[in-house]
Amino acid sequence: MPPKKIPKLKEKPQADHPVIDPTAIPPALPPSVEEAYRRKCIQLKQRTSEVEDENDATRVRLARIRRQVEKMRLERAMLLEQLTRRTSTNVEDSDGSPSPPPTVG
């Protein structure tokens, strides 16, 4: 029996990928459009700088507020501890009954 012939695969045309001419230069924009882009770029750089400055200031303010909150929490804990100590001392001195109301006079 003679060997079977294997059909050759045909190469696909490269139509899937458009060919771009590397020497093609986009058309120059009119000077008014170029100037508008230049002004817009300057405005965006200024705005970016402003936002970054505001961000830095907000970060510093937030850090300061967090330190203040931590300080207030420590102070609160200390005051509660002192209050507990003083009230427990007063209860131990008495016989457990509530103190009589203060007299006015």
PDB file of N, CA and C in Angstrom:
ATOM      1  N   MET A   1       0.828  -1.155   0.000  1.00  0.00           N
ATOM      2  CA  MET A   1       0.000   0.000   0.000  1.00  0.00           C
ATOM      3  C   MET A   1       0.890   1.242   0.000  1.00  0.00           C
ATOM      4  N   PRO A   2       0.627   2.188  -0.879  1.00  0.00           N
ATOM      5  CA  PRO A   2       1.467   3.382  -0.951  1.00  0.00           C
ATOM      6  C   PRO A   2       1.188   4.309   0.236  1.00  0.00           C
ATOM      7  N   PRO A   3       2.211   5.020   0.705  1.00  0.00           N
ATOM      8  CA  PRO A   3       1.992   5.928   1.841  1.00  0.00           C
ATOM      9  C   PRO A   3       1.037   7.052   1.465  1.00  0.00           C
ATOM     10  N   LYS A   4       0.241   7.449   2.464  1.00  0.00           N
ATOM     11  CA  LYS A   4      -0.729   8.522   2.228  1.00  0.00           C
ATOM     12  C   LYS A   4      -0.003   9.857   2.210  1.00  0.00           C
ATOM     13  N   LYS A   5      -0.457  10.696   1.342  1.00  0.00           N
ATOM     14  CA  LYS A   5       0.125  12.021   1.265  1.00  0.00           C
ATOM     15  C   LYS A   5      -0.536  12.924   2.311  1.00  0.00           C
ATOM     16  N   ILE A   6       0.298  13.644   3.023  1.00  0.00           N
ATOM     17  CA  ILE A   6      -0.217  14.587   4.016  1.00  0.00           C
ATOM     18  C   ILE A   6      -0.389  15.926   3.322  1.00  0.00           C
ATOM     19  N   PRO A   7      -1.596  16.461   3.371  1.00  0.00           N
ATOM     20  CA  PRO A   7      -1.793  17.748   2.690  1.00  0.00           C
ATOM     21  C   PRO A   7      -1.024  18.853   3.417  1.00  0.00           C
ATOM     22  N   LYS A   8      -0.463  19.765   2.658  1.00  0.00           N
ATOM     23  CA  LYS A   8       0.264  20.889   3.232  1.00  0.00           C
ATOM     24  C   LYS A   8      -0.740  21.932   3.723  1.00  0.00           C
ATOM     25  N   LEU A   9      -0.402  22.478   4.883  1.00  0.00           N
ATOM     26  CA  LEU A   9      -1.257  23.536   5.414  1.00  0.00           C
ATOM     27  C   LEU A   9      -0.919  24.841   4.725  1.00  0.00           C
ATOM     28  N   LYS A  10      -1.938  25.535   4.348  1.00  0.00           N
ATOM     29  CA  LYS A  10      -1.721  26.824   3.712  1.00  0.00           C
ATOM     30  C   LYS A  10      -1.509  27.876   4.801  1.00  0.00           C
ATOM     31  N   GLU A  11      -0.599  28.765   4.571  1.00  0.00           N
ATOM     32  CA  GLU A  11      -0.369  29.843   5.532  1.00  0.00           C
ATOM     33  C   GLU A  11      -1.500  30.853   5.417  1.00  0.00           C
ATOM     34  N   LYS A  12      -1.912  31.320   6.588  1.00  0.00           N
ATOM     35  CA  LYS A  12      -2.985  32.307   6.602  1.00  0.00           C
ATOM     36  C   LYS A  12      -2.410  33.671   6.248  1.00  0.00           C
ATOM     37  N   PRO A  13      -3.148  34.440   5.521  1.00  0.00           N
ATOM     38  CA  PRO A  13      -2.672  35.796   5.243  1.00  0.00           C
ATOM     39  C   PRO A  13      -2.707  36.627   6.533  1.00  0.00           C
ATOM     40  N   GLN A  14      -1.815  37.552   6.647  1.00  0.00           N
ATOM     41  CA  GLN A  14      -1.681  38.369   7.853  1.00  0.00           C
ATOM     42  C   GLN A  14      -2.631  39.567   7.827  1.00  0.00           C
ATOM     43  N   ALA A  15      -3.855  39.360   7.429  1.00  0.00           N
ATOM     44  CA  ALA A  15      -4.827  40.446   7.355  1.00  0.00           C
ATOM     45  C   ALA A  15      -5.346  40.826   8.743  1.00  0.00           C
ATOM     46  N   ASP A  16      -5.131  39.956   9.741  1.00  0.00           N
ATOM     47  CA  ASP A  16      -5.623  40.241  11.084  1.00  0.00           C
ATOM     48  C   ASP A  16      -4.895  41.425  11.714  1.00  0.00           C
ATOM     49  N   HIS A  17      -3.660  41.648  11.339  1.00  0.00           N
ATOM     50  CA  HIS A  17      -2.845  42.700  11.931  1.00  0.00           C
ATOM     51  C   HIS A  17      -2.657  43.816  10.912  1.00  0.00           C
ATOM     52  N   PRO A  18      -3.214  44.982  11.184  1.00  0.00           N
ATOM     53  CA  PRO A  18      -3.028  46.069  10.217  1.00  0.00           C
ATOM     54  C   PRO A  18      -1.569  46.508  10.196  1.00  0.00           C
ATOM     55  N   VAL A  19      -1.118  46.851   9.065  1.00  0.00           N
ATOM     56  CA  VAL A  19       0.266  47.279   8.902  1.00  0.00           C
ATOM     57  C   VAL A  19       0.320  48.785   9.128  1.00  0.00           C
ATOM     58  N   ILE A  20       1.206  49.200  10.051  1.00  0.00           N
ATOM     59  CA  ILE A  20       1.353  50.621  10.349  1.00  0.00           C
ATOM     60  C   ILE A  20       2.684  51.070   9.789  1.00  0.00           C
ATOM     61  N   ASP A  21       2.628  52.113   9.052  1.00  0.00           N
ATOM     62  CA  ASP A  21       3.855  52.644   8.457  1.00  0.00           C
ATOM     63  C   ASP A  21       4.651  53.358   9.551  1.00  0.00           C
ATOM     64  N   PRO A  22       5.838  52.839   9.923  1.00  0.00           N
ATOM     65  CA  PRO A  22       6.600  53.463  11.010  1.00  0.00           C
ATOM     66  C   PRO A  22       7.114  54.848  10.663  1.00  0.00           C
ATOM     67  N   THR A  23       7.131  55.175   9.398  1.00  0.00           N
ATOM     68  CA  THR A  23       7.615  56.500   9.012  1.00  0.00           C
ATOM     69  C   THR A  23       6.498  57.535   9.004  1.00  0.00           C
ATOM     70  N   ALA A  24       5.280  57.089   9.224  1.00  0.00           N
ATOM     71  CA  ALA A  24       4.154  58.023   9.205  1.00  0.00           C
ATOM     72  C   ALA A  24       4.221  58.927  10.428  1.00  0.00           C
ATOM     73  N   ILE A  25       4.168  60.198  10.218  1.00  0.00           N
ATOM     74  CA  ILE A  25       4.203  61.189  11.295  1.00  0.00           C
ATOM     75  C   ILE A  25       2.819  61.815  11.369  1.00  0.00           C
ATOM     76  N   PRO A  26       2.270  61.902  12.583  1.00  0.00           N
ATOM     77  CA  PRO A  26       0.942  62.509  12.670  1.00  0.00           C
ATOM     78  C   PRO A  26       1.016  63.967  12.222  1.00  0.00           C
ATOM     79  N   PRO A  27      -0.064  64.439  11.685  1.00  0.00           N
ATOM     80  CA  PRO A  27      -0.044  65.826  11.204  1.00  0.00           C
ATOM     81  C   PRO A  27       0.157  66.790  12.370  1.00  0.00           C
ATOM     82  N   ALA A  28       0.838  67.855  12.116  1.00  0.00           N
ATOM     83  CA  ALA A  28       1.096  68.856  13.152  1.00  0.00           C
ATOM     84  C   ALA A  28      -0.211  69.562  13.506  1.00  0.00           C
ATOM     85  N   LEU A  29      -0.349  69.854  14.780  1.00  0.00           N
ATOM     86  CA  LEU A  29      -1.546  70.558  15.226  1.00  0.00           C
ATOM     87  C   LEU A  29      -1.371  72.054  14.978  1.00  0.00           C
ATOM     88  N   PRO A  30      -2.471  72.743  14.791  1.00  0.00           N
ATOM     89  CA  PRO A  30      -2.363  74.193  14.616  1.00  0.00           C
ATOM     90  C   PRO A  30      -1.784  74.835  15.878  1.00  0.00           C
ATOM     91  N   PRO A  31      -1.111  75.951  15.751  1.00  0.00           N
ATOM     92  CA  PRO A  31      -0.493  76.600  16.916  1.00  0.00           C
ATOM     93  C   PRO A  31      -1.481  76.914  18.034  1.00  0.00           C
ATOM     94  N   SER A  32      -2.711  77.251  17.696  1.00  0.00           N
ATOM     95  CA  SER A  32      -3.694  77.571  18.741  1.00  0.00           C
ATOM     96  C   SER A  32      -4.006  76.335  19.588  1.00  0.00           C
ATOM     97  N   VAL A  33      -4.074  75.166  18.960  1.00  0.00           N
ATOM     98  CA  VAL A  33      -4.338  73.927  19.689  1.00  0.00           C
ATOM     99  C   VAL A  33      -3.125  73.561  20.536  1.00  0.00           C
ATOM    100  N   GLU A  34      -1.935  73.726  19.978  1.00  0.00           N
ATOM    101  CA  GLU A  34      -0.705  73.453  20.735  1.00  0.00           C
ATOM    102  C   GLU A  34      -0.643  74.342  21.975  1.00  0.00           C
ATOM    103  N   GLU A  35      -0.968  75.614  21.808  1.00  0.00           N
ATOM    104  CA  GLU A  35      -0.942  76.557  22.934  1.00  0.00           C
ATOM    105  C   GLU A  35      -1.999  76.180  23.972  1.00  0.00           C
ATOM    106  N   ALA A  36      -3.164  75.749  23.514  1.00  0.00           N
ATOM    107  CA  ALA A  36      -4.217  75.332  24.448  1.00  0.00           C
ATOM    108  C   ALA A  36      -3.756  74.116  25.249  1.00  0.00           C
ATOM    109  N   TYR A  37      -3.106  73.154  24.592  1.00  0.00           N
ATOM    110  CA  TYR A  37      -2.587  71.978  25.300  1.00  0.00           C
ATOM    111  C   TYR A  37      -1.501  72.369  26.296  1.00  0.00           C
ATOM    112  N   ARG A  38      -0.643  73.308  25.900  1.00  0.00           N
ATOM    113  CA  ARG A  38       0.431  73.755  26.785  1.00  0.00           C
ATOM    114  C   ARG A  38      -0.146  74.429  28.038  1.00  0.00           C
ATOM    115  N   ARG A  39      -1.152  75.298  27.845  1.00  0.00           N
ATOM    116  CA  ARG A  39      -1.791  75.960  28.999  1.00  0.00           C
ATOM    117  C   ARG A  39      -2.484  74.940  29.896  1.00  0.00           C
ATOM    118  N   LYS A  40      -3.157  73.982  29.279  1.00  0.00           N
ATOM    119  CA  LYS A  40      -3.850  72.942  30.048  1.00  0.00           C
ATOM    120  C   LYS A  40      -2.849  72.123  30.855  1.00  0.00           C
ATOM    121  N   CYS A  41      -1.718  71.817  30.271  1.00  0.00           N
ATOM    122  CA  CYS A  41      -0.677  71.056  30.969  1.00  0.00           C
ATOM    123  C   CYS A  41      -0.163  71.843  32.171  1.00  0.00           C
ATOM    124  N   ILE A  42       0.065  73.138  31.999  1.00  0.00           N
ATOM    125  CA  ILE A  42       0.527  73.983  33.107  1.00  0.00           C
ATOM    126  C   ILE A  42      -0.521  74.023  34.211  1.00  0.00           C
ATOM    127  N   GLN A  43      -1.797  74.169  33.829  1.00  0.00           N
ATOM    128  CA  GLN A  43      -2.876  74.190  34.828  1.00  0.00           C
ATOM    129  C   GLN A  43      -2.939  72.872  35.595  1.00  0.00           C
ATOM    130  N   LEU A  44      -2.800  71.757  34.885  1.00  0.00           N
ATOM    131  CA  LEU A  44      -2.859  70.454  35.545  1.00  0.00           C
ATOM    132  C   LEU A  44      -1.686  70.265  36.498  1.00  0.00           C
ATOM    133  N   LYS A  45      -0.500  70.732  36.113  1.00  0.00           N
ATOM    134  CA  LYS A  45       0.657  70.642  37.007  1.00  0.00           C
ATOM    135  C   LYS A  45       0.438  71.477  38.260  1.00  0.00           C
ATOM    136  N   GLN A  46      -0.118  72.686  38.093  1.00  0.00           N
ATOM    137  CA  GLN A  46      -0.395  73.541  39.252  1.00  0.00           C
ATOM    138  C   GLN A  46      -1.429  72.889  40.164  1.00  0.00           C
ATOM    139  N   ARG A  47      -2.482  72.352  39.573  1.00  0.00           N
ATOM    140  CA  ARG A  47      -3.536  71.718  40.374  1.00  0.00           C
ATOM    141  C   ARG A  47      -2.997  70.490  41.099  1.00  0.00           C
ATOM    142  N   THR A  48      -2.148  69.720  40.427  1.00  0.00           N
ATOM    143  CA  THR A  48      -1.532  68.550  41.060  1.00  0.00           C
ATOM    144  C   THR A  48      -0.701  68.978  42.256  1.00  0.00           C
ATOM    145  N   SER A  49       0.052  70.056  42.088  1.00  0.00           N
ATOM    146  CA  SER A  49       0.867  70.572  43.189  1.00  0.00           C
ATOM    147  C   SER A  49      -0.014  71.018  44.351  1.00  0.00           C
ATOM    148  N   GLU A  50      -1.126  71.700  44.052  1.00  0.00           N
ATOM    149  CA  GLU A  50      -2.051  72.147  45.101  1.00  0.00           C
ATOM    150  C   GLU A  50      -2.635  70.954  45.859  1.00  0.00           C
ATOM    151  N   VAL A  51      -3.052  69.933  45.124  1.00  0.00           N
ATOM    152  CA  VAL A  51      -3.641  68.749  45.760  1.00  0.00           C
ATOM    153  C   VAL A  51      -2.611  68.047  46.639  1.00  0.00           C
ATOM    154  N   GLU A  52      -1.372  67.956  46.163  1.00  0.00           N
ATOM    155  CA  GLU A  52      -0.321  67.319  46.965  1.00  0.00           C
ATOM    156  C   GLU A  52      -0.045  68.122  48.236  1.00  0.00           C
ATOM    157  N   ASP A  53      -0.036  69.459  48.131  1.00  0.00           N
ATOM    158  CA  ASP A  53       0.175  70.302  49.313  1.00  0.00           C
ATOM    159  C   ASP A  53      -0.963  70.134  50.317  1.00  0.00           C
ATOM    160  N   GLU A  54      -2.210  70.121  49.807  1.00  0.00           N
ATOM    161  CA  GLU A  54      -3.364  69.911  50.688  1.00  0.00           C
ATOM    162  C   GLU A  54      -3.283  68.540  51.355  1.00  0.00           C
ATOM    163  N   ASN A  55      -2.863  67.550  50.600  1.00  0.00           N
ATOM    164  CA  ASN A  55      -2.731  66.193  51.131  1.00  0.00           C
ATOM    165  C   ASN A  55      -1.697  66.154  52.254  1.00  0.00           C
ATOM    166  N   ASP A  56      -0.562  66.813  52.042  1.00  0.00           N
ATOM    167  CA  ASP A  56       0.473  66.857  53.076  1.00  0.00           C
ATOM    168  C   ASP A  56      -0.044  67.548  54.335  1.00  0.00           C
ATOM    169  N   ALA A  57      -0.734  68.685  54.156  1.00  0.00           N
ATOM    170  CA  ALA A  57      -1.270  69.415  55.306  1.00  0.00           C
ATOM    171  C   ALA A  57      -2.303  68.574  56.049  1.00  0.00           C
ATOM    172  N   THR A  58      -3.144  67.872  55.313  1.00  0.00           N
ATOM    173  CA  THR A  58      -4.159  67.024  55.942  1.00  0.00           C
ATOM    174  C   THR A  58      -3.513  65.867  56.684  1.00  0.00           C
ATOM    175  N   ARG A  59      -2.451  65.300  56.124  1.00  0.00           N
ATOM    176  CA  ARG A  59      -1.746  64.200  56.780  1.00  0.00           C
ATOM    177  C   ARG A  59      -1.138  64.669  58.104  1.00  0.00           C
ATOM    178  N   VAL A  60      -0.539  65.858  58.111  1.00  0.00           N
ATOM    179  CA  VAL A  60       0.049  66.407  59.339  1.00  0.00           C
ATOM    180  C   VAL A  60      -1.047  66.677  60.369  1.00  0.00           C
ATOM    181  N   ARG A  61      -2.150  67.269  59.915  1.00  0.00           N
ATOM    182  CA  ARG A  61      -3.269  67.571  60.824  1.00  0.00           C
ATOM    183  C   ARG A  61      -3.841  66.285  61.424  1.00  0.00           C
ATOM    184  N   LEU A  62      -3.997  65.263  60.610  1.00  0.00           N
ATOM    185  CA  LEU A  62      -4.524  63.988  61.087  1.00  0.00           C
ATOM    186  C   LEU A  62      -3.593  63.359  62.114  1.00  0.00           C
ATOM    187  N   ALA A  63      -2.300  63.416  61.871  1.00  0.00           N
ATOM    188  CA  ALA A  63      -1.333  62.861  62.831  1.00  0.00           C
ATOM    189  C   ALA A  63      -1.412  63.616  64.155  1.00  0.00           C
ATOM    190  N   ARG A  64      -1.540  64.943  64.090  1.00  0.00           N
ATOM    191  CA  ARG A  64      -1.647  65.754  65.303  1.00  0.00           C
ATOM    192  C   ARG A  64      -2.923  65.393  66.079  1.00  0.00           C
ATOM    193  N   ILE A  65      -4.031  65.252  65.363  1.00  0.00           N
ATOM    194  CA  ILE A  65      -5.304  64.912  66.014  1.00  0.00           C
ATOM    195  C   ILE A  65      -5.223  63.524  66.643  1.00  0.00           C
ATOM    196  N   ARG A  66      -4.592  62.581  65.961  1.00  0.00           N
ATOM    197  CA  ARG A  66      -4.454  61.230  66.532  1.00  0.00           C
ATOM    198  C   ARG A  66      -3.632  61.255  67.813  1.00  0.00           C
ATOM    199  N   ARG A  67      -2.568  62.069  67.830  1.00  0.00           N
ATOM    200  CA  ARG A  67      -1.775  62.197  69.066  1.00  0.00           C
ATOM    201  C   ARG A  67      -2.615  62.808  70.185  1.00  0.00           C
ATOM    202  N   GLN A  68      -3.431  63.814  69.855  1.00  0.00           N
ATOM    203  CA  GLN A  68      -4.292  64.437  70.863  1.00  0.00           C
ATOM    204  C   GLN A  68      -5.307  63.435  71.412  1.00  0.00           C
ATOM    205  N   VAL A  69      -5.882  62.632  70.536  1.00  0.00           N
ATOM    206  CA  VAL A  69      -6.854  61.622  70.972  1.00  0.00           C
ATOM    207  C   VAL A  69      -6.182  60.628  71.913  1.00  0.00           C
ATOM    208  N   GLU A  70      -4.984  60.179  71.557  1.00  0.00           N
ATOM    209  CA  GLU A  70      -4.265  59.232  72.416  1.00  0.00           C
ATOM    210  C   GLU A  70      -3.961  59.859  73.774  1.00  0.00           C
ATOM    211  N   LYS A  71      -3.565  61.118  73.773  1.00  0.00           N
ATOM    212  CA  LYS A  71      -3.277  61.823  75.023  1.00  0.00           C
ATOM    213  C   LYS A  71      -4.539  61.922  75.879  1.00  0.00           C
ATOM    214  N   MET A  72      -5.670  62.247  75.255  1.00  0.00           N
ATOM    215  CA  MET A  72      -6.936  62.358  75.992  1.00  0.00           C
ATOM    216  C   MET A  72      -7.373  60.995  76.543  1.00  0.00           C
ATOM    217  N   ARG A  73      -7.137  59.929  75.803  1.00  0.00           N
ATOM    218  CA  ARG A  73      -7.484  58.590  76.304  1.00  0.00           C
ATOM    219  C   ARG A  73      -6.656  58.242  77.540  1.00  0.00           C
ATOM    220  N   LEU A  74      -5.364  58.566  77.487  1.00  0.00           N
ATOM    221  CA  LEU A  74      -4.511  58.300  78.650  1.00  0.00           C
ATOM    222  C   LEU A  74      -4.959  59.134  79.846  1.00  0.00           C
ATOM    223  N   GLU A  75      -5.283  60.396  79.594  1.00  0.00           N
ATOM    224  CA  GLU A  75      -5.741  61.270  80.680  1.00  0.00           C
ATOM    225  C   GLU A  75      -7.053  60.752  81.264  1.00  0.00           C
ATOM    226  N   ARG A  76      -7.956  60.308  80.421  1.00  0.00           N
ATOM    227  CA  ARG A  76      -9.236  59.762  80.885  1.00  0.00           C
ATOM    228  C   ARG A  76      -9.005  58.533  81.761  1.00  0.00           C
ATOM    229  N   ALA A  77      -8.129  57.635  81.317  1.00  0.00           N
ATOM    230  CA  ALA A  77      -7.839  56.428  82.095  1.00  0.00           C
ATOM    231  C   ALA A  77      -7.242  56.796  83.448  1.00  0.00           C
ATOM    232  N   MET A  78      -6.352  57.786  83.465  1.00  0.00           N
ATOM    233  CA  MET A  78      -5.733  58.215  84.714  1.00  0.00           C
ATOM    234  C   MET A  78      -6.777  58.818  85.658  1.00  0.00           C
ATOM    235  N   LEU A  79      -7.665  59.655  85.118  1.00  0.00           N
ATOM    236  CA  LEU A  79      -8.700  60.278  85.950  1.00  0.00           C
ATOM    237  C   LEU A  79      -9.678  59.234  86.489  1.00  0.00           C
ATOM    238  N   LEU A  80     -10.044  58.264  85.659  1.00  0.00           N
ATOM    239  CA  LEU A  80     -10.938  57.204  86.137  1.00  0.00           C
ATOM    240  C   LEU A  80     -10.270  56.386  87.240  1.00  0.00           C
ATOM    241  N   GLU A  81      -8.986  56.148  87.092  1.00  0.00           N
ATOM    242  CA  GLU A  81      -8.246  55.408  88.116  1.00  0.00           C
ATOM    243  C   GLU A  81      -8.216  56.197  89.426  1.00  0.00           C
ATOM    244  N   GLN A  82      -7.950  57.499  89.342  1.00  0.00           N
ATOM    245  CA  GLN A  82      -7.946  58.335  90.548  1.00  0.00           C
ATOM    246  C   GLN A  82      -9.327  58.377  91.185  1.00  0.00           C
ATOM    247  N   LEU A  83     -10.353  58.499  90.360  1.00  0.00           N
ATOM    248  CA  LEU A  83     -11.724  58.537  90.873  1.00  0.00           C
ATOM    249  C   LEU A  83     -12.064  57.227  91.572  1.00  0.00           C
ATOM    250  N   THR A  84     -11.677  56.114  90.983  1.00  0.00           N
ATOM    251  CA  THR A  84     -11.934  54.809  91.588  1.00  0.00           C
ATOM    252  C   THR A  84     -11.199  54.690  92.918  1.00  0.00           C
ATOM    253  N   ARG A  85      -9.954  55.127  92.953  1.00  0.00           N
ATOM    254  CA  ARG A  85      -9.161  55.068  94.181  1.00  0.00           C
ATOM    255  C   ARG A  85      -9.792  55.920  95.287  1.00  0.00           C
ATOM    256  N   ARG A  86     -10.226  57.115  94.952  1.00  0.00           N
ATOM    257  CA  ARG A  86     -10.787  58.022  95.961  1.00  0.00           C
ATOM    258  C   ARG A  86     -12.150  57.552  96.448  1.00  0.00           C
ATOM    259  N   THR A  87     -12.967  57.043  95.540  1.00  0.00           N
ATOM    260  CA  THR A  87     -14.283  56.586  95.976  1.00  0.00           C
ATOM    261  C   THR A  87     -14.167  55.298  96.772  1.00  0.00           C
ATOM    262  N   SER A  88     -13.244  54.425  96.438  1.00  0.00           N
ATOM    263  CA  SER A  88     -13.095  53.191  97.211  1.00  0.00           C
ATOM    264  C   SER A  88     -12.543  53.504  98.595  1.00  0.00           C
ATOM    265  N   THR A  89     -11.701  54.516  98.728  1.00  0.00           N
ATOM    266  CA  THR A  89     -11.181  54.925 100.035  1.00  0.00           C
ATOM    267  C   THR A  89     -12.311  55.463 100.895  1.00  0.00           C
ATOM    268  N   ASN A  90     -13.198  56.243 100.322  1.00  0.00           N
ATOM    269  CA  ASN A  90     -14.323  56.808 101.073  1.00  0.00           C
ATOM    270  C   ASN A  90     -15.279  55.720 101.528  1.00  0.00           C
ATOM    271  N   VAL A  91     -15.512  54.723 100.712  1.00  0.00           N
ATOM    272  CA  VAL A  91     -16.428  53.641 101.078  1.00  0.00           C
ATOM    273  C   VAL A  91     -15.814  52.806 102.196  1.00  0.00           C
ATOM    274  N   GLU A  92     -14.510  52.573 102.146  1.00  0.00           N
ATOM    275  CA  GLU A  92     -13.854  51.781 103.187  1.00  0.00           C
ATOM    276  C   GLU A  92     -13.886  52.500 104.531  1.00  0.00           C
ATOM    277  N   ASP A  93     -13.818  53.824 104.542  1.00  0.00           N
ATOM    278  CA  ASP A  93     -13.846  54.594 105.782  1.00  0.00           C
ATOM    279  C   ASP A  93     -15.225  54.561 106.434  1.00  0.00           C
ATOM    280  N   SER A  94     -16.269  54.496 105.637  1.00  0.00           N
ATOM    281  CA  SER A  94     -17.621  54.496 106.215  1.00  0.00           C
ATOM    282  C   SER A  94     -18.044  53.063 106.515  1.00  0.00           C
ATOM    283  N   ASP A  95     -19.178  52.933 107.140  1.00  0.00           N
ATOM    284  CA  ASP A  95     -19.674  51.600 107.477  1.00  0.00           C
ATOM    285  C   ASP A  95     -20.485  50.983 106.341  1.00  0.00           C
ATOM    286  N   GLY A  96     -20.402  51.575 105.181  1.00  0.00           N
ATOM    287  CA  GLY A  96     -21.097  51.033 104.024  1.00  0.00           C
ATOM    288  C   GLY A  96     -22.402  51.739 103.755  1.00  0.00           C
ATOM    289  N   SER A  97     -22.886  52.522 104.710  1.00  0.00           N
ATOM    290  CA  SER A  97     -24.132  53.245 104.485  1.00  0.00           C
ATOM    291  C   SER A  97     -23.820  54.545 103.750  1.00  0.00           C
ATOM    292  N   PRO A  98     -24.771  55.027 103.001  1.00  0.00           N
ATOM    293  CA  PRO A  98     -24.526  56.266 102.271  1.00  0.00           C
ATOM    294  C   PRO A  98     -24.358  57.434 103.235  1.00  0.00           C
ATOM    295  N   SER A  99     -23.603  58.409 102.822  1.00  0.00           N
ATOM    296  CA  SER A  99     -23.363  59.578 103.661  1.00  0.00           C
ATOM    297  C   SER A  99     -24.644  60.383 103.798  1.00  0.00           C
ATOM    298  N   PRO A 100     -24.823  61.044 104.926  1.00  0.00           N
ATOM    299  CA  PRO A 100     -26.020  61.882 105.065  1.00  0.00           C
ATOM    300  C   PRO A 100     -25.908  63.083 104.133  1.00  0.00           C
ATOM    301  N   PRO A 101     -27.034  63.637 103.746  1.00  0.00           N
ATOM    302  CA  PRO A 101     -26.979  64.786 102.846  1.00  0.00           C
ATOM    303  C   PRO A 101     -26.310  65.967 103.542  1.00  0.00           C
ATOM    304  N   PRO A 102     -25.631  66.801 102.791  1.00  0.00           N
ATOM    305  CA  PRO A 102     -24.969  67.950 103.410  1.00  0.00           C
ATOM    306  C   PRO A 102     -25.999  68.926 103.959  1.00  0.00           C
ATOM    307  N   THR A 103     -25.641  69.564 105.031  1.00  0.00           N
ATOM    308  CA  THR A 103     -26.557  70.541 105.632  1.00  0.00           C
ATOM    309  C   THR A 103     -26.216  71.920 105.122  1.00  0.00           C
ATOM    310  N   VAL A 104     -27.234  72.695 104.906  1.00  0.00           N
ATOM    311  CA  VAL A 104     -27.047  74.055 104.419  1.00  0.00           C
ATOM    312  C   VAL A 104     -27.203  74.974 105.611  1.00  0.00           C
ATOM    313  N   GLY A 105     -26.252  75.813 105.813  1.00  0.00           N
ATOM    314  CA  GLY A 105     -26.544  76.698 106.889  1.00  0.00           C
ATOM    315  C   GLY A 105     -25.455  77.393 107.470  1.00  0.00           C
TER     316      GLY A 105
END
